[in-house]
């Protein structure tokens, strides 16, 4: 078991970033197209965080041209170049699946004013 934990600890990120459910994040994600690589930004609200340690994932949701788009990222992925917290959300749930049924202003999360 010690060998397994040793390998998992090597895979963890060194530059941890803080994220909570309800936060709005801007992720710069490295995309490989043929032989070229480029960075693409994805900005959305964190609707859920699953797992822990090496298997930790988080899902971002945004509305693009009137269609809801969700994308799940691995927290420890080497493809994530940088993250920026655009705003902190004030929520009382661990998972915000109810946002999938809402549109417009009803799909917004209130901003946390005091940190």
PDB file of N, CA and C in Angstrom:
ATOM      1  N   UNK A   1       0.813  -1.200   0.000  1.00  0.00           N
ATOM      2  CA  UNK A   1       0.000   0.000   0.000  1.00  0.00           C
ATOM      3  C   UNK A   1       0.853   1.259   0.000  1.00  0.00           C
ATOM      4  N   UNK A   2       2.003   1.205   0.597  1.00  0.00           N
ATOM      5  CA  UNK A   2       2.844   2.399   0.648  1.00  0.00           C
ATOM      6  C   UNK A   2       3.284   2.819  -0.744  1.00  0.00           C
ATOM      7  N   UNK A   3       3.491   1.849  -1.624  1.00  0.00           N
ATOM      8  CA  UNK A   3       3.891   2.159  -2.996  1.00  0.00           C
ATOM      9  C   UNK A   3       2.769   2.891  -3.726  1.00  0.00           C
ATOM     10  N   UNK A   4       1.530   2.465  -3.500  1.00  0.00           N
ATOM     11  CA  UNK A   4       0.380   3.106  -4.130  1.00  0.00           C
ATOM     12  C   UNK A   4       0.233   4.549  -3.660  1.00  0.00           C
ATOM     13  N   UNK A   5       0.357   4.780  -2.362  1.00  0.00           N
ATOM     14  CA  UNK A   5       0.254   6.140  -1.833  1.00  0.00           C
ATOM     15  C   UNK A   5       1.392   7.019  -2.327  1.00  0.00           C
ATOM     16  N   UNK A   6       2.575   6.441  -2.481  1.00  0.00           N
ATOM     17  CA  UNK A   6       3.721   7.200  -2.969  1.00  0.00           C
ATOM     18  C   UNK A   6       3.485   7.677  -4.403  1.00  0.00           C
ATOM     19  N   UNK A   7       2.931   6.791  -5.234  1.00  0.00           N
ATOM     20  CA  UNK A   7       2.639   7.154  -6.618  1.00  0.00           C
ATOM     21  C   UNK A   7       1.532   8.206  -6.677  1.00  0.00           C
ATOM     22  N   UNK A   8       0.517   8.074  -5.837  1.00  0.00           N
ATOM     23  CA  UNK A   8      -0.567   9.050  -5.816  1.00  0.00           C
ATOM     24  C   UNK A   8      -0.075  10.422  -5.372  1.00  0.00           C
ATOM     25  N   UNK A   9       0.805  10.479  -4.394  1.00  0.00           N
ATOM     26  CA  UNK A   9       1.317  11.758  -3.914  1.00  0.00           C
ATOM     27  C   UNK A   9       2.156  12.472  -4.972  1.00  0.00           C
ATOM     28  N   UNK A  10       2.784  11.717  -5.871  1.00  0.00           N
ATOM     29  CA  UNK A  10       3.542  12.333  -6.958  1.00  0.00           C
ATOM     30  C   UNK A  10       2.615  13.009  -7.964  1.00  0.00           C
ATOM     31  N   UNK A  11       1.370  12.530  -8.067  1.00  0.00           N
ATOM     32  CA  UNK A  11       0.421  13.056  -9.049  1.00  0.00           C
ATOM     33  C   UNK A  11      -0.306  14.311  -8.571  1.00  0.00           C
ATOM     34  N   UNK A  12      -0.215  14.648  -7.292  1.00  0.00           N
ATOM     35  CA  UNK A  12      -0.940  15.801  -6.746  1.00  0.00           C
ATOM     36  C   UNK A  12      -0.343  17.107  -7.257  1.00  0.00           C
ATOM     37  N   UNK A  13      -1.182  18.134  -7.330  1.00  0.00           N
ATOM     38  CA  UNK A  13      -0.734  19.472  -7.751  1.00  0.00           C
ATOM     39  C   UNK A  13       0.098  20.110  -6.667  1.00  0.00           C
ATOM     40  N   UNK A  14       1.085  20.883  -7.076  1.00  0.00           N
ATOM     41  CA  UNK A  14       1.837  21.667  -6.100  1.00  0.00           C
ATOM     42  C   UNK A  14       1.168  23.008  -5.841  1.00  0.00           C
ATOM     43  N   UNK A  15       0.586  23.602  -6.881  1.00  0.00           N
ATOM     44  CA  UNK A  15      -0.059  24.910  -6.726  1.00  0.00           C
ATOM     45  C   UNK A  15      -1.562  24.710  -6.509  1.00  0.00           C
ATOM     46  N   UNK A  16      -1.937  24.382  -5.290  1.00  0.00           N
ATOM     47  CA  UNK A  16      -3.344  24.173  -4.977  1.00  0.00           C
ATOM     48  C   UNK A  16      -4.114  25.472  -5.130  1.00  0.00           C
ATOM     49  N   UNK A  17      -5.324  25.366  -5.623  1.00  0.00           N
ATOM     50  CA  UNK A  17      -6.203  26.525  -5.701  1.00  0.00           C
ATOM     51  C   UNK A  17      -7.462  26.235  -4.904  1.00  0.00           C
ATOM     52  N   UNK A  18      -7.984  27.262  -4.307  1.00  0.00           N
ATOM     53  CA  UNK A  18      -9.139  27.142  -3.427  1.00  0.00           C
ATOM     54  C   UNK A  18     -10.412  27.263  -4.257  1.00  0.00           C
ATOM     55  N   UNK A  19     -11.311  26.310  -4.125  1.00  0.00           N
ATOM     56  CA  UNK A  19     -12.591  26.414  -4.799  1.00  0.00           C
ATOM     57  C   UNK A  19     -13.674  25.820  -3.922  1.00  0.00           C
ATOM     58  N   UNK A  20     -14.832  26.437  -3.993  1.00  0.00           N
ATOM     59  CA  UNK A  20     -16.002  25.977  -3.260  1.00  0.00           C
ATOM     60  C   UNK A  20     -17.181  25.935  -4.213  1.00  0.00           C
ATOM     61  N   UNK A  21     -18.205  25.204  -3.845  1.00  0.00           N
ATOM     62  CA  UNK A  21     -19.412  25.150  -4.646  1.00  0.00           C
ATOM     63  C   UNK A  21     -20.060  26.536  -4.645  1.00  0.00           C
ATOM     64  N   UNK A  22     -20.474  26.996  -5.809  1.00  0.00           N
ATOM     65  CA  UNK A  22     -21.083  28.312  -5.948  1.00  0.00           C
ATOM     66  C   UNK A  22     -20.126  29.373  -6.460  1.00  0.00           C
ATOM     67  N   UNK A  23     -18.829  29.106  -6.416  1.00  0.00           N
ATOM     68  CA  UNK A  23     -17.845  30.065  -6.919  1.00  0.00           C
ATOM     69  C   UNK A  23     -17.881  30.104  -8.446  1.00  0.00           C
ATOM     70  N   UNK A  24     -17.529  31.253  -8.987  1.00  0.00           N
ATOM     71  CA  UNK A  24     -17.369  31.382 -10.427  1.00  0.00           C
ATOM     72  C   UNK A  24     -15.878  31.371 -10.724  1.00  0.00           C
ATOM     73  N   UNK A  25     -15.448  30.416 -11.523  1.00  0.00           N
ATOM     74  CA  UNK A  25     -14.032  30.234 -11.834  1.00  0.00           C
ATOM     75  C   UNK A  25     -13.770  30.476 -13.309  1.00  0.00           C
ATOM     76  N   UNK A  26     -12.555  30.923 -13.607  1.00  0.00           N
ATOM     77  CA  UNK A  26     -12.068  30.989 -14.983  1.00  0.00           C
ATOM     78  C   UNK A  26     -10.870  30.050 -15.068  1.00  0.00           C
ATOM     79  N   UNK A  27     -11.019  28.983 -15.853  1.00  0.00           N
ATOM     80  CA  UNK A  27      -9.996  27.962 -15.994  1.00  0.00           C
ATOM     81  C   UNK A  27      -9.324  28.122 -17.354  1.00  0.00           C
ATOM     82  N   UNK A  28      -8.007  28.161 -17.382  1.00  0.00           N
ATOM     83  CA  UNK A  28      -7.257  28.112 -18.637  1.00  0.00           C
ATOM     84  C   UNK A  28      -6.826  26.669 -18.845  1.00  0.00           C
ATOM     85  N   UNK A  29      -7.399  26.042 -19.853  1.00  0.00           N
ATOM     86  CA  UNK A  29      -7.218  24.616 -20.086  1.00  0.00           C
ATOM     87  C   UNK A  29      -6.427  24.410 -21.374  1.00  0.00           C
ATOM     88  N   UNK A  30      -5.409  23.571 -21.325  1.00  0.00           N
ATOM     89  CA  UNK A  30      -4.558  23.315 -22.485  1.00  0.00           C
ATOM     90  C   UNK A  30      -5.238  22.283 -23.384  1.00  0.00           C
ATOM     91  N   UNK A  31      -5.419  22.651 -24.651  1.00  0.00           N
ATOM     92  CA  UNK A  31      -6.063  21.775 -25.622  1.00  0.00           C
ATOM     93  C   UNK A  31      -5.061  21.435 -26.711  1.00  0.00           C
ATOM     94  N   UNK A  32      -4.997  20.169 -27.054  1.00  0.00           N
ATOM     95  CA  UNK A  32      -4.070  19.710 -28.082  1.00  0.00           C
ATOM     96  C   UNK A  32      -4.856  19.430 -29.358  1.00  0.00           C
ATOM     97  N   UNK A  33      -4.475  20.109 -30.441  1.00  0.00           N
ATOM     98  CA  UNK A  33      -5.102  19.916 -31.742  1.00  0.00           C
ATOM     99  C   UNK A  33      -4.012  19.509 -32.727  1.00  0.00           C
ATOM    100  N   UNK A  34      -3.939  18.243 -33.026  1.00  0.00           N
ATOM    101  CA  UNK A  34      -2.864  17.747 -33.889  1.00  0.00           C
ATOM    102  C   UNK A  34      -1.539  17.842 -33.166  1.00  0.00           C
ATOM    103  N   UNK A  35      -0.619  18.644 -33.720  1.00  0.00           N
ATOM    104  CA  UNK A  35       0.670  18.850 -33.060  1.00  0.00           C
ATOM    105  C   UNK A  35       0.718  20.148 -32.272  1.00  0.00           C
ATOM    106  N   UNK A  36      -0.289  21.000 -32.447  1.00  0.00           N
ATOM    107  CA  UNK A  36      -0.308  22.290 -31.762  1.00  0.00           C
ATOM    108  C   UNK A  36      -1.065  22.188 -30.449  1.00  0.00           C
ATOM    109  N   UNK A  37      -0.665  23.013 -29.498  1.00  0.00           N
ATOM    110  CA  UNK A  37      -1.416  23.134 -28.250  1.00  0.00           C
ATOM    111  C   UNK A  37      -1.769  24.600 -28.048  1.00  0.00           C
ATOM    112  N   UNK A  38      -2.936  24.818 -27.475  1.00  0.00           N
ATOM    113  CA  UNK A  38      -3.370  26.182 -27.197  1.00  0.00           C
ATOM    114  C   UNK A  38      -4.129  26.203 -25.880  1.00  0.00           C
ATOM    115  N   UNK A  39      -4.305  27.393 -25.327  1.00  0.00           N
ATOM    116  CA  UNK A  39      -5.056  27.561 -24.091  1.00  0.00           C
ATOM    117  C   UNK A  39      -6.458  28.051 -24.418  1.00  0.00           C
ATOM    118  N   UNK A  40      -7.433  27.444 -23.771  1.00  0.00           N
ATOM    119  CA  UNK A  40      -8.812  27.880 -23.935  1.00  0.00           C
ATOM    120  C   UNK A  40      -9.393  28.153 -22.559  1.00  0.00           C
ATOM    121  N   UNK A  41     -10.019  29.307 -22.392  1.00  0.00           N
ATOM    122  CA  UNK A  41     -10.632  29.667 -21.119  1.00  0.00           C
ATOM    123  C   UNK A  41     -12.044  29.111 -21.049  1.00  0.00           C
ATOM    124  N   UNK A  42     -12.410  28.654 -19.867  1.00  0.00           N
ATOM    125  CA  UNK A  42     -13.768  28.194 -19.594  1.00  0.00           C
ATOM    126  C   UNK A  42     -14.179  28.836 -18.286  1.00  0.00           C
ATOM    127  N   UNK A  43     -15.184  29.666 -18.325  1.00  0.00           N
ATOM    128  CA  UNK A  43     -15.646  30.357 -17.121  1.00  0.00           C
ATOM    129  C   UNK A  43     -17.045  29.870 -16.788  1.00  0.00           C
ATOM    130  N   UNK A  44     -17.231  29.456 -15.541  1.00  0.00           N
ATOM    131  CA  UNK A  44     -18.530  28.962 -15.133  1.00  0.00           C
ATOM    132  C   UNK A  44     -18.636  28.844 -13.633  1.00  0.00           C
ATOM    133  N   UNK A  45     -19.816  28.473 -13.185  1.00  0.00           N
ATOM    134  CA  UNK A  45     -20.114  28.309 -11.767  1.00  0.00           C
ATOM    135  C   UNK A  45     -19.845  26.866 -11.356  1.00  0.00           C
ATOM    136  N   UNK A  46     -19.182  26.687 -10.229  1.00  0.00           N
ATOM    137  CA  UNK A  46     -18.917  25.343  -9.704  1.00  0.00           C
ATOM    138  C   UNK A  46     -20.226  24.803  -9.151  1.00  0.00           C
ATOM    139  N   UNK A  47     -20.736  23.714  -9.751  1.00  0.00           N
ATOM    140  CA  UNK A  47     -21.990  23.164  -9.258  1.00  0.00           C
ATOM    141  C   UNK A  47     -21.777  21.930  -8.387  1.00  0.00           C
ATOM    142  N   UNK A  48     -20.609  21.287  -8.505  1.00  0.00           N
ATOM    143  CA  UNK A  48     -20.331  20.173  -7.602  1.00  0.00           C
ATOM    144  C   UNK A  48     -18.845  19.875  -7.564  1.00  0.00           C
ATOM    145  N   UNK A  49     -18.419  19.356  -6.415  1.00  0.00           N
ATOM    146  CA  UNK A  49     -17.053  18.895  -6.207  1.00  0.00           C
ATOM    147  C   UNK A  49     -17.157  17.464  -5.703  1.00  0.00           C
ATOM    148  N   UNK A  50     -16.483  16.542  -6.382  1.00  0.00           N
ATOM    149  CA  UNK A  50     -16.581  15.123  -6.032  1.00  0.00           C
ATOM    150  C   UNK A  50     -15.206  14.552  -5.747  1.00  0.00           C
ATOM    151  N   UNK A  51     -15.171  13.536  -4.937  1.00  0.00           N
ATOM    152  CA  UNK A  51     -13.944  12.801  -4.681  1.00  0.00           C
ATOM    153  C   UNK A  51     -12.990  13.542  -3.774  1.00  0.00           C
ATOM    154  N   UNK A  52     -11.793  13.021  -3.710  1.00  0.00           N
ATOM    155  CA  UNK A  52     -10.757  13.611  -2.891  1.00  0.00           C
ATOM    156  C   UNK A  52      -9.415  13.075  -3.325  1.00  0.00           C
ATOM    157  N   UNK A  53      -8.369  13.690  -2.831  1.00  0.00           N
ATOM    158  CA  UNK A  53      -7.015  13.253  -3.143  1.00  0.00           C
ATOM    159  C   UNK A  53      -6.755  13.331  -4.641  1.00  0.00           C
ATOM    160  N   UNK A  54      -6.313  12.256  -5.252  1.00  0.00           N
ATOM    161  CA  UNK A  54      -5.970  12.250  -6.670  1.00  0.00           C
ATOM    162  C   UNK A  54      -7.218  12.274  -7.550  1.00  0.00           C
ATOM    163  N   UNK A  55      -8.306  11.684  -7.082  1.00  0.00           N
ATOM    164  CA  UNK A  55      -9.518  11.539  -7.882  1.00  0.00           C
ATOM    165  C   UNK A  55     -10.475  12.712  -7.767  1.00  0.00           C
ATOM    166  N   UNK A  56     -10.060  13.829  -7.221  1.00  0.00           N
ATOM    167  CA  UNK A  56     -10.949  14.965  -7.011  1.00  0.00           C
ATOM    168  C   UNK A  56     -11.332  15.598  -8.348  1.00  0.00           C
ATOM    169  N   UNK A  57     -12.631  15.818  -8.547  1.00  0.00           N
ATOM    170  CA  UNK A  57     -13.122  16.471  -9.753  1.00  0.00           C
ATOM    171  C   UNK A  57     -14.076  17.594  -9.366  1.00  0.00           C
ATOM    172  N   UNK A  58     -14.242  18.541 -10.270  1.00  0.00           N
ATOM    173  CA  UNK A  58     -15.232  19.586 -10.077  1.00  0.00           C
ATOM    174  C   UNK A  58     -15.898  19.876 -11.416  1.00  0.00           C
ATOM    175  N   UNK A  59     -17.168  20.272 -11.349  1.00  0.00           N
ATOM    176  CA  UNK A  59     -17.951  20.512 -12.549  1.00  0.00           C
ATOM    177  C   UNK A  59     -18.308  21.980 -12.633  1.00  0.00           C
ATOM    178  N   UNK A  60     -18.037  22.578 -13.786  1.00  0.00           N
ATOM    179  CA  UNK A  60     -18.384  23.975 -14.041  1.00  0.00           C
ATOM    180  C   UNK A  60     -19.558  24.010 -15.007  1.00  0.00           C
ATOM    181  N   UNK A  61     -20.441  24.974 -14.797  1.00  0.00           N
ATOM    182  CA  UNK A  61     -21.614  25.147 -15.663  1.00  0.00           C
ATOM    183  C   UNK A  61     -21.695  26.591 -16.107  1.00  0.00           C
ATOM    184  N   UNK A  62     -21.982  26.773 -17.388  1.00  0.00           N
ATOM    185  CA  UNK A  62     -22.207  28.113 -17.916  1.00  0.00           C
ATOM    186  C   UNK A  62     -23.280  28.035 -18.987  1.00  0.00           C
ATOM    187  N   UNK A  63     -23.828  29.186 -19.332  1.00  0.00           N
ATOM    188  CA  UNK A  63     -24.807  29.280 -20.395  1.00  0.00           C
ATOM    189  C   UNK A  63     -24.106  29.851 -21.616  1.00  0.00           C
ATOM    190  N   UNK A  64     -24.126  29.127 -22.723  1.00  0.00           N
ATOM    191  CA  UNK A  64     -23.477  29.557 -23.942  1.00  0.00           C
ATOM    192  C   UNK A  64     -24.507  29.573 -25.065  1.00  0.00           C
ATOM    193  N   UNK A  65     -24.818  30.766 -25.574  1.00  0.00           N
ATOM    194  CA  UNK A  65     -25.810  30.946 -26.635  1.00  0.00           C
ATOM    195  C   UNK A  65     -27.151  30.323 -26.258  1.00  0.00           C
ATOM    196  N   UNK A  66     -27.549  30.500 -25.011  1.00  0.00           N
ATOM    197  CA  UNK A  66     -28.836  30.012 -24.556  1.00  0.00           C
ATOM    198  C   UNK A  66     -28.879  28.533 -24.214  1.00  0.00           C
ATOM    199  N   UNK A  67     -27.753  27.851 -24.292  1.00  0.00           N
ATOM    200  CA  UNK A  67     -27.694  26.415 -23.992  1.00  0.00           C
ATOM    201  C   UNK A  67     -26.773  26.207 -22.804  1.00  0.00           C
ATOM    202  N   UNK A  68     -27.216  25.429 -21.831  1.00  0.00           N
ATOM    203  CA  UNK A  68     -26.382  25.130 -20.672  1.00  0.00           C
ATOM    204  C   UNK A  68     -25.280  24.156 -21.030  1.00  0.00           C
ATOM    205  N   UNK A  69     -24.045  24.514 -20.663  1.00  0.00           N
ATOM    206  CA  UNK A  69     -22.886  23.669 -20.952  1.00  0.00           C
ATOM    207  C   UNK A  69     -22.205  23.338 -19.633  1.00  0.00           C
ATOM    208  N   UNK A  70     -21.978  22.053 -19.394  1.00  0.00           N
ATOM    209  CA  UNK A  70     -21.272  21.621 -18.190  1.00  0.00           C
ATOM    210  C   UNK A  70     -20.001  20.903 -18.601  1.00  0.00           C
ATOM    211  N   UNK A  71     -18.971  21.136 -17.828  1.00  0.00           N
ATOM    212  CA  UNK A  71     -17.695  20.476 -18.102  1.00  0.00           C
ATOM    213  C   UNK A  71     -17.080  20.048 -16.783  1.00  0.00           C
ATOM    214  N   UNK A  72     -16.620  18.812 -16.721  1.00  0.00           N
ATOM    215  CA  UNK A  72     -16.005  18.272 -15.520  1.00  0.00           C
ATOM    216  C   UNK A  72     -14.492  18.259 -15.710  1.00  0.00           C
ATOM    217  N   UNK A  73     -13.781  18.803 -14.734  1.00  0.00           N
ATOM    218  CA  UNK A  73     -12.329  18.875 -14.773  1.00  0.00           C
ATOM    219  C   UNK A  73     -11.744  18.048 -13.642  1.00  0.00           C
ATOM    220  N   UNK A  74     -10.595  17.446 -13.899  1.00  0.00           N
ATOM    221  CA  UNK A  74      -9.831  16.804 -12.837  1.00  0.00           C
ATOM    222  C   UNK A  74      -9.051  17.882 -12.097  1.00  0.00           C
ATOM    223  N   UNK A  75      -9.144  17.895 -10.796  1.00  0.00           N
ATOM    224  CA  UNK A  75      -8.475  18.918  -9.988  1.00  0.00           C
ATOM    225  C   UNK A  75      -6.963  18.858 -10.164  1.00  0.00           C
ATOM    226  N   UNK A  76      -6.401  17.666 -10.252  1.00  0.00           N
ATOM    227  CA  UNK A  76      -4.954  17.486 -10.339  1.00  0.00           C
ATOM    228  C   UNK A  76      -4.444  17.338 -11.774  1.00  0.00           C
ATOM    229  N   UNK A  77      -5.245  17.726 -12.754  1.00  0.00           N
ATOM    230  CA  UNK A  77      -4.860  17.567 -14.147  1.00  0.00           C
ATOM    231  C   UNK A  77      -3.699  18.487 -14.511  1.00  0.00           C
ATOM    232  N   UNK A  78      -2.696  17.968 -15.210  1.00  0.00           N
ATOM    233  CA  UNK A  78      -1.600  18.827 -15.668  1.00  0.00           C
ATOM    234  C   UNK A  78      -2.023  19.744 -16.808  1.00  0.00           C
ATOM    235  N   UNK A  79      -3.197  19.517 -17.403  1.00  0.00           N
ATOM    236  CA  UNK A  79      -3.676  20.364 -18.488  1.00  0.00           C
ATOM    237  C   UNK A  79      -4.229  21.699 -17.996  1.00  0.00           C
ATOM    238  N   UNK A  80      -4.547  21.811 -16.729  1.00  0.00           N
ATOM    239  CA  UNK A  80      -5.029  23.082 -16.188  1.00  0.00           C
ATOM    240  C   UNK A  80      -3.823  23.979 -15.965  1.00  0.00           C
ATOM    241  N   UNK A  81      -3.750  25.058 -16.752  1.00  0.00           N
ATOM    242  CA  UNK A  81      -2.627  25.995 -16.646  1.00  0.00           C
ATOM    243  C   UNK A  81      -2.793  26.917 -15.449  1.00  0.00           C
ATOM    244  N   UNK A  82      -3.930  27.625 -15.403  1.00  0.00           N
ATOM    245  CA  UNK A  82      -4.152  28.545 -14.298  1.00  0.00           C
ATOM    246  C   UNK A  82      -5.639  28.659 -14.022  1.00  0.00           C
ATOM    247  N   UNK A  83      -5.932  29.035 -12.799  1.00  0.00           N
ATOM    248  CA  UNK A  83      -7.310  29.236 -12.385  1.00  0.00           C
ATOM    249  C   UNK A  83      -7.432  30.589 -11.714  1.00  0.00           C
ATOM    250  N   UNK A  84      -8.588  31.182 -11.878  1.00  0.00           N
ATOM    251  CA  UNK A  84      -8.844  32.469 -11.234  1.00  0.00           C
ATOM    252  C   UNK A  84     -10.263  32.444 -10.704  1.00  0.00           C
ATOM    253  N   UNK A  85     -10.413  32.818  -9.435  1.00  0.00           N
ATOM    254  CA  UNK A  85     -11.739  32.919  -8.848  1.00  0.00           C
ATOM    255  C   UNK A  85     -12.285  34.291  -9.209  1.00  0.00           C
ATOM    256  N   UNK A  86     -13.319  34.316 -10.036  1.00  0.00           N
ATOM    257  CA  UNK A  86     -13.908  35.573 -10.470  1.00  0.00           C
ATOM    258  C   UNK A  86     -14.771  36.157  -9.367  1.00  0.00           C
ATOM    259  N   UNK A  87     -15.582  35.302  -8.733  1.00  0.00           N
ATOM    260  CA  UNK A  87     -16.397  35.738  -7.602  1.00  0.00           C
ATOM    261  C   UNK A  87     -16.738  34.550  -6.722  1.00  0.00           C
ATOM    262  N   UNK A  88     -16.932  34.832  -5.460  1.00  0.00           N
ATOM    263  CA  UNK A  88     -17.310  33.801  -4.485  1.00  0.00           C
ATOM    264  C   UNK A  88     -18.825  33.752  -4.385  1.00  0.00           C
ATOM    265  N   UNK A  89     -19.370  32.560  -4.288  1.00  0.00           N
ATOM    266  CA  UNK A  89     -20.815  32.393  -4.210  1.00  0.00           C
ATOM    267  C   UNK A  89     -21.274  32.070  -2.800  1.00  0.00           C
ATOM    268  N   UNK A  90     -22.472  32.543  -2.497  1.00  0.00           N
ATOM    269  CA  UNK A  90     -23.080  32.280  -1.189  1.00  0.00           C
ATOM    270  C   UNK A  90     -24.160  31.225  -1.400  1.00  0.00           C
ATOM    271  N   UNK A  91     -23.856  29.989  -0.979  1.00  0.00           N
ATOM    272  CA  UNK A  91     -24.787  28.882  -1.179  1.00  0.00           C
ATOM    273  C   UNK A  91     -24.929  28.099   0.116  1.00  0.00           C
ATOM    274  N   UNK A  92     -26.013  27.326   0.172  1.00  0.00           N
ATOM    275  CA  UNK A  92     -26.266  26.504   1.355  1.00  0.00           C
ATOM    276  C   UNK A  92     -26.402  25.029   0.984  1.00  0.00           C
ATOM    277  N   UNK A  93     -25.924  24.671  -0.169  1.00  0.00           N
ATOM    278  CA  UNK A  93     -26.003  23.298  -0.645  1.00  0.00           C
ATOM    279  C   UNK A  93     -24.616  22.801  -1.027  1.00  0.00           C
ATOM    280  N   UNK A  94     -24.435  21.496  -1.019  1.00  0.00           N
ATOM    281  CA  UNK A  94     -23.169  20.896  -1.432  1.00  0.00           C
ATOM    282  C   UNK A  94     -23.130  20.699  -2.942  1.00  0.00           C
ATOM    283  N   UNK A  95     -24.296  20.495  -3.550  1.00  0.00           N
ATOM    284  CA  UNK A  95     -24.381  20.324  -4.992  1.00  0.00           C
ATOM    285  C   UNK A  95     -25.523  21.201  -5.509  1.00  0.00           C
ATOM    286  N   UNK A  96     -25.260  21.922  -6.578  1.00  0.00           N
ATOM    287  CA  UNK A  96     -26.226  22.885  -7.106  1.00  0.00           C
ATOM    288  C   UNK A  96     -26.901  22.360  -8.365  1.00  0.00           C
ATOM    289  N   UNK A  97     -27.408  21.138  -8.314  1.00  0.00           N
ATOM    290  CA  UNK A  97     -28.052  20.543  -9.483  1.00  0.00           C
ATOM    291  C   UNK A  97     -29.337  21.261  -9.866  1.00  0.00           C
ATOM    292  N   UNK A  98     -29.936  22.003  -8.948  1.00  0.00           N
ATOM    293  CA  UNK A  98     -31.174  22.713  -9.255  1.00  0.00           C
ATOM    294  C   UNK A  98     -30.949  23.842 -10.258  1.00  0.00           C
ATOM    295  N   UNK A  99     -29.712  24.264 -10.466  1.00  0.00           N
ATOM    296  CA  UNK A  99     -29.433  25.320 -11.441  1.00  0.00           C
ATOM    297  C   UNK A  99     -29.681  24.847 -12.871  1.00  0.00           C
ATOM    298  N   UNK A 100     -29.705  23.547 -13.084  1.00  0.00           N
ATOM    299  CA  UNK A 100     -29.923  23.011 -14.429  1.00  0.00           C
ATOM    300  C   UNK A 100     -31.317  23.336 -14.949  1.00  0.00           C
ATOM    301  N   UNK A 101     -32.280  23.467 -14.050  1.00  0.00           N
ATOM    302  CA  UNK A 101     -33.661  23.731 -14.452  1.00  0.00           C
ATOM    303  C   UNK A 101     -33.961  25.216 -14.588  1.00  0.00           C
ATOM    304  N   UNK A 102     -33.039  26.061 -14.221  1.00  0.00           N
ATOM    305  CA  UNK A 102     -33.294  27.502 -14.189  1.00  0.00           C
ATOM    306  C   UNK A 102     -32.602  28.214 -15.336  1.00  0.00           C
ATOM    307  N   UNK A 103     -33.191  29.362 -15.702  1.00  0.00           N
ATOM    308  CA  UNK A 103     -32.631  30.163 -16.784  1.00  0.00           C
ATOM    309  C   UNK A 103     -32.605  31.618 -16.369  1.00  0.00           C
ATOM    310  N   UNK A 104     -31.742  32.380 -17.008  1.00  0.00           N
ATOM    311  CA  UNK A 104     -31.692  33.823 -16.790  1.00  0.00           C
ATOM    312  C   UNK A 104     -31.213  34.189 -15.397  1.00  0.00           C
ATOM    313  N   UNK A 105     -31.884  35.174 -14.792  1.00  0.00           N
ATOM    314  CA  UNK A 105     -31.479  35.642 -13.473  1.00  0.00           C
ATOM    315  C   UNK A 105     -31.716  34.605 -12.386  1.00  0.00           C
ATOM    316  N   UNK A 106     -32.645  33.698 -12.600  1.00  0.00           N
ATOM    317  CA  UNK A 106     -32.933  32.663 -11.605  1.00  0.00           C
ATOM    318  C   UNK A 106     -31.780  31.671 -11.476  1.00  0.00           C
ATOM    319  N   UNK A 107     -30.924  31.613 -12.489  1.00  0.00           N
ATOM    320  CA  UNK A 107     -29.796  30.680 -12.471  1.00  0.00           C
ATOM    321  C   UNK A 107     -28.567  31.298 -11.826  1.00  0.00           C
ATOM    322  N   UNK A 108     -28.680  32.517 -11.333  1.00  0.00           N
ATOM    323  CA  UNK A 108     -27.536  33.178 -10.705  1.00  0.00           C
ATOM    324  C   UNK A 108     -27.380  32.742  -9.251  1.00  0.00           C
ATOM    325  N   UNK A 109     -26.157  32.823  -8.771  1.00  0.00           N
ATOM    326  CA  UNK A 109     -25.846  32.547  -7.369  1.00  0.00           C
ATOM    327  C   UNK A 109     -25.464  33.870  -6.729  1.00  0.00           C
ATOM    328  N   UNK A 110     -25.979  34.128  -5.529  1.00  0.00           N
ATOM    329  CA  UNK A 110     -25.645  35.372  -4.846  1.00  0.00           C
ATOM    330  C   UNK A 110     -24.164  35.419  -4.523  1.00  0.00           C
ATOM    331  N   UNK A 111     -23.620  36.637  -4.537  1.00  0.00           N
ATOM    332  CA  UNK A 111     -22.200  36.806  -4.251  1.00  0.00           C
ATOM    333  C   UNK A 111     -21.983  36.952  -2.765  1.00  0.00           C
ATOM    334  N   UNK A 112     -20.931  36.306  -2.275  1.00  0.00           N
ATOM    335  CA  UNK A 112     -20.544  36.411  -0.875  1.00  0.00           C
ATOM    336  C   UNK A 112     -19.795  37.716  -0.707  1.00  0.00           C
ATOM    337  N   UNK A 113     -20.264  38.561   0.226  1.00  0.00           N
ATOM    338  CA  UNK A 113     -19.658  39.885   0.378  1.00  0.00           C
ATOM    339  C   UNK A 113     -18.526  39.885   1.396  1.00  0.00           C
ATOM    340  N   UNK A 114     -18.698  39.214   2.519  1.00  0.00           N
ATOM    341  CA  UNK A 114     -17.645  39.177   3.545  1.00  0.00           C
ATOM    342  C   UNK A 114     -16.927  37.839   3.471  1.00  0.00           C
ATOM    343  N   UNK A 115     -15.604  37.888   3.433  1.00  0.00           N
ATOM    344  CA  UNK A 115     -14.829  36.640   3.332  1.00  0.00           C
ATOM    345  C   UNK A 115     -14.404  36.224   4.686  1.00  0.00           C
TER     346      UNK A 115
END
